[in-house]
Protein backbone atom coordinates (compact mmCIF):
# COMPACT_ATOMS: atom_id res chain seq x y z
CA UNK A 1 58.15 9.55 -41.11
CA UNK A 2 60.45 11.89 -39.19
CA UNK A 3 59.70 14.82 -41.51
CA UNK A 4 55.94 14.38 -41.03
CA UNK A 5 56.34 14.40 -37.26
CA UNK A 6 58.58 17.47 -37.44
CA UNK A 7 56.03 19.34 -39.56
CA UNK A 8 53.24 18.31 -37.21
CA UNK A 9 55.11 19.75 -34.21
CA UNK A 10 55.58 23.05 -36.06
CA UNK A 11 51.87 23.25 -36.87
CA UNK A 12 50.91 22.45 -33.27
CA UNK A 13 53.24 25.18 -31.95
CA UNK A 14 51.41 27.66 -34.16
CA UNK A 15 48.05 26.34 -32.97
CA UNK A 16 49.09 26.67 -29.33
CA UNK A 17 50.16 30.29 -29.84
CA UNK A 18 46.82 31.05 -31.52
CA UNK A 19 44.89 29.42 -28.67
CA UNK A 20 46.73 31.42 -25.99
CA UNK A 21 46.40 34.68 -27.92
CA UNK A 22 42.68 34.14 -28.52
CA UNK A 23 42.01 33.33 -24.88
CA UNK A 24 43.94 36.43 -23.80
CA UNK A 25 41.46 38.51 -25.80
CA UNK A 26 38.45 36.52 -24.63
CA UNK A 27 39.48 37.07 -21.02
CA UNK A 28 37.98 40.55 -21.36
CA UNK A 29 34.57 38.85 -21.46
CA UNK A 30 35.05 37.78 -17.84
CA UNK A 31 34.44 40.00 -14.81
CA UNK A 32 37.19 42.57 -14.41
CA UNK A 33 39.03 41.00 -11.48
CA UNK A 34 38.87 37.52 -12.99
CA UNK A 35 39.97 38.89 -16.37
CA UNK A 36 43.06 40.51 -14.85
CA UNK A 37 43.98 37.32 -12.98
CA UNK A 38 43.44 35.21 -16.10
CA UNK A 39 45.59 37.49 -18.26
CA UNK A 40 48.38 37.50 -15.70
CA UNK A 41 48.31 33.70 -15.52
CA UNK A 42 48.30 33.44 -19.31
CA UNK A 43 51.44 35.56 -19.47
CA UNK A 44 53.17 33.30 -16.96
CA UNK A 45 51.90 30.26 -18.82
CA UNK A 46 53.24 31.64 -22.11
CA UNK A 47 56.70 32.01 -20.55
CA UNK A 48 56.66 28.36 -19.52
CA UNK A 49 55.55 27.25 -22.98
CA UNK A 50 58.45 29.14 -24.55
CA UNK A 51 60.85 27.51 -22.10
CA UNK A 52 59.40 24.11 -23.03
CA UNK A 53 60.82 24.47 -26.55
CA UNK A 54 64.30 25.44 -25.36
CA UNK A 55 67.14 22.98 -24.88
CA UNK A 56 67.08 22.00 -21.20
CA UNK A 57 68.46 19.27 -18.99
CA UNK A 58 66.02 16.60 -17.74
CA UNK A 59 65.65 18.21 -14.30
CA UNK A 60 64.76 21.60 -15.79
CA UNK A 61 62.37 19.97 -18.25
CA UNK A 62 60.55 18.24 -15.40
CA UNK A 63 60.36 21.54 -13.52
CA UNK A 64 58.87 23.28 -16.57
CA UNK A 65 56.25 20.57 -17.02
CA UNK A 66 55.36 20.69 -13.33
CA UNK A 67 55.02 24.49 -13.40
CA UNK A 68 52.92 24.26 -16.56
CA UNK A 69 50.52 21.83 -14.90
CA UNK A 70 50.21 24.07 -11.84
CA UNK A 71 49.41 27.10 -14.02
CA UNK A 72 46.84 25.13 -15.97
CA UNK A 73 45.05 24.16 -12.78
CA UNK A 74 45.25 27.72 -11.48
CA UNK A 75 43.85 29.18 -14.70
CA UNK A 76 40.97 26.72 -14.75
CA UNK A 77 40.15 27.27 -11.08
CA UNK A 78 40.19 31.03 -11.67
CA UNK A 79 37.44 30.98 -14.29
CA UNK A 80 35.47 28.01 -12.92
CA UNK A 81 33.53 29.98 -10.25
CA UNK A 82 32.45 32.50 -12.90
CA UNK A 83 31.30 29.70 -15.19
CA UNK A 84 29.18 28.23 -12.41
CA UNK A 85 27.48 31.49 -11.44
CA UNK A 86 27.17 33.27 -14.81
CA UNK A 87 25.77 31.04 -17.53
CA UNK A 88 25.98 33.43 -20.48
CA UNK A 89 27.20 32.98 -24.07
CA UNK A 90 30.11 35.37 -23.45
CA UNK A 91 31.31 33.41 -20.42
CA UNK A 92 30.89 30.15 -22.35
CA UNK A 93 33.11 31.58 -25.09
CA UNK A 94 35.84 32.39 -22.57
CA UNK A 95 35.56 28.91 -21.06
CA UNK A 96 35.82 27.35 -24.52
CA UNK A 97 38.94 29.39 -25.22
CA UNK A 98 40.58 28.21 -22.01
CA UNK A 99 39.71 24.63 -22.93
CA UNK A 100 41.50 25.15 -26.26
CA UNK A 101 44.59 26.43 -24.42
CA UNK A 102 44.72 23.34 -22.23
CA UNK A 103 44.05 20.96 -25.11
CA UNK A 104 46.71 22.53 -27.34
CA UNK A 105 49.39 21.85 -24.74
CA UNK A 106 48.30 18.21 -24.60
CA UNK A 107 48.50 17.89 -28.38
CA UNK A 108 52.01 19.38 -28.39
CA UNK A 109 53.21 17.05 -25.64
CA UNK A 110 51.78 14.01 -27.41
CA UNK A 111 53.51 15.04 -30.65
CA UNK A 112 56.86 15.41 -28.83
CA UNK A 113 56.47 11.94 -27.35
CA UNK A 114 55.59 10.51 -30.76
CA UNK A 115 58.99 9.35 -32.01
CA UNK A 116 60.14 6.80 -34.56
CA UNK A 117 59.59 3.34 -32.96
CA UNK A 118 62.64 1.28 -32.00
CA UNK A 119 61.41 -1.50 -34.28
CA UNK A 120 61.59 0.88 -37.25
CA UNK A 121 65.12 1.89 -36.27
CA UNK A 122 66.10 -1.78 -35.99
CA UNK A 123 64.70 -2.48 -39.44
CA UNK A 124 66.56 0.48 -40.98
CA UNK A 125 69.83 -0.60 -39.34
CA UNK A 126 69.37 -4.17 -40.58
CA UNK A 127 68.72 -2.95 -44.13
CA UNK A 128 71.77 -0.67 -44.00
CA UNK A 129 74.03 -3.49 -42.78
CA UNK A 130 72.76 -5.89 -45.44
CA UNK A 131 73.19 -3.26 -48.17
CA UNK A 132 76.78 -2.57 -47.10
CA UNK A 133 77.57 -6.29 -46.98
CA UNK A 134 76.22 -6.76 -50.49
CA UNK A 135 78.29 -3.85 -51.74
CA UNK A 136 81.36 -5.34 -50.05
CA UNK A 137 80.81 -8.78 -51.57
CA UNK A 138 80.33 -7.27 -55.00
CA UNK A 139 83.39 -5.06 -54.76
CA UNK A 140 86.32 -5.63 -57.06
CA UNK A 141 89.63 -3.88 -56.88
CA UNK A 142 88.67 -2.62 -53.42
CA UNK A 143 92.14 -1.27 -52.66
CA UNK A 144 92.25 0.76 -55.85
CA UNK A 145 88.78 2.25 -55.30
CA UNK A 146 88.65 2.39 -51.51
CA UNK A 147 87.36 5.97 -51.46
CA UNK A 148 84.54 5.08 -53.85
CA UNK A 149 83.35 2.18 -51.71
CA UNK A 150 83.39 4.31 -48.57
CA UNK A 151 80.84 6.72 -50.05
CA UNK A 152 77.88 4.37 -49.52
CA UNK A 153 78.46 3.80 -45.76
CA UNK A 154 79.14 7.53 -45.35
CA UNK A 155 75.87 8.49 -47.05
CA UNK A 156 73.93 6.01 -44.89
CA UNK A 157 75.55 7.39 -41.74
CA UNK A 158 74.62 10.96 -42.69
CA UNK A 159 71.06 9.86 -43.45
CA UNK A 160 70.72 8.19 -40.05
CA UNK A 161 72.11 11.28 -38.35
CA UNK A 162 69.59 13.57 -40.08
CA UNK A 163 66.68 11.26 -39.32
CA UNK A 164 67.64 11.02 -35.64
CA UNK A 165 68.20 14.77 -35.42
CA UNK A 166 64.84 15.67 -36.98
CA UNK A 167 63.10 13.13 -34.76
CA UNK A 168 64.58 14.77 -31.64
CA UNK A 169 62.63 18.05 -31.24
CA UNK A 170 64.51 19.41 -28.21
CA UNK A 171 68.07 18.26 -28.84
CA UNK A 172 70.32 18.13 -31.85
CA UNK A 173 71.01 20.65 -34.58
CA UNK A 174 67.56 20.83 -36.21
CA UNK A 175 65.22 22.07 -33.49
CA UNK A 176 61.74 23.54 -33.36
CA UNK A 177 61.85 27.20 -32.43
CA UNK A 178 58.73 28.67 -30.77
CA UNK A 179 58.58 31.57 -33.21
CA UNK A 180 54.82 32.06 -32.89
CA UNK A 181 54.89 31.93 -29.09
CA UNK A 182 57.78 34.42 -28.95
CA UNK A 183 55.95 36.74 -31.36
CA UNK A 184 52.84 36.48 -29.20
CA UNK A 185 54.85 37.30 -26.08
CA UNK A 186 56.28 40.38 -27.76
CA UNK A 187 52.82 41.47 -28.92
CA UNK A 188 51.28 41.08 -25.45
CA UNK A 189 54.15 42.99 -23.87
CA UNK A 190 53.58 45.84 -26.33
CA UNK A 191 49.84 45.83 -25.55
CA UNK A 192 50.56 45.91 -21.83
CA UNK A 193 52.95 48.82 -22.34
CA UNK A 194 50.38 50.80 -24.29
CA UNK A 195 47.68 50.06 -21.75
CA UNK A 196 49.87 51.29 -18.89
CA UNK A 197 50.56 54.69 -20.50
CA UNK A 198 48.78 57.56 -18.76
CA UNK A 199 46.04 59.36 -20.68
CA UNK A 200 46.85 62.90 -21.80
CA UNK A 201 44.38 65.66 -21.07
CA UNK A 202 43.59 67.78 -24.09
């Protein structure tokens, strides 16, 4: 259960990076001024999405989510006037790309909220306690084999730790790194650097 959720979050991070990268390219279909504003907002938005995956305190996490929402509204309001005045297939493609960017963030957030239910944890704890009690009742020569009988509770404790750690995407040892978003950020920075170079006269 926890592994499936972990894998889903990794896949959604990749999908979000693809959506942002695609919309950055599609922004060129918009009028020049709108395209520049949209690209600038997408860069800022990408920074916030990378911060979302980092280990933060609750106050900083709330600030990141609030800033993300503001940027989403700003990006949508930037392209909305163009969509209303220029009903062309190219503009529709850019609008569709922006919709994918907004939706991908919602899918990621829903996946991060989707944790193992408390009822499932309660059931696992009850099973672990019962199993340890049964092992204790069936134990003979406990003092001579104390180390052997401690292995089972130790293994269960490690298993619970790993499950809880995998099910906690932001905290713990096993975390989801935004590798695709970071790679996209690096790629866009390189593109911006190339675009800003002056042309040489032959």
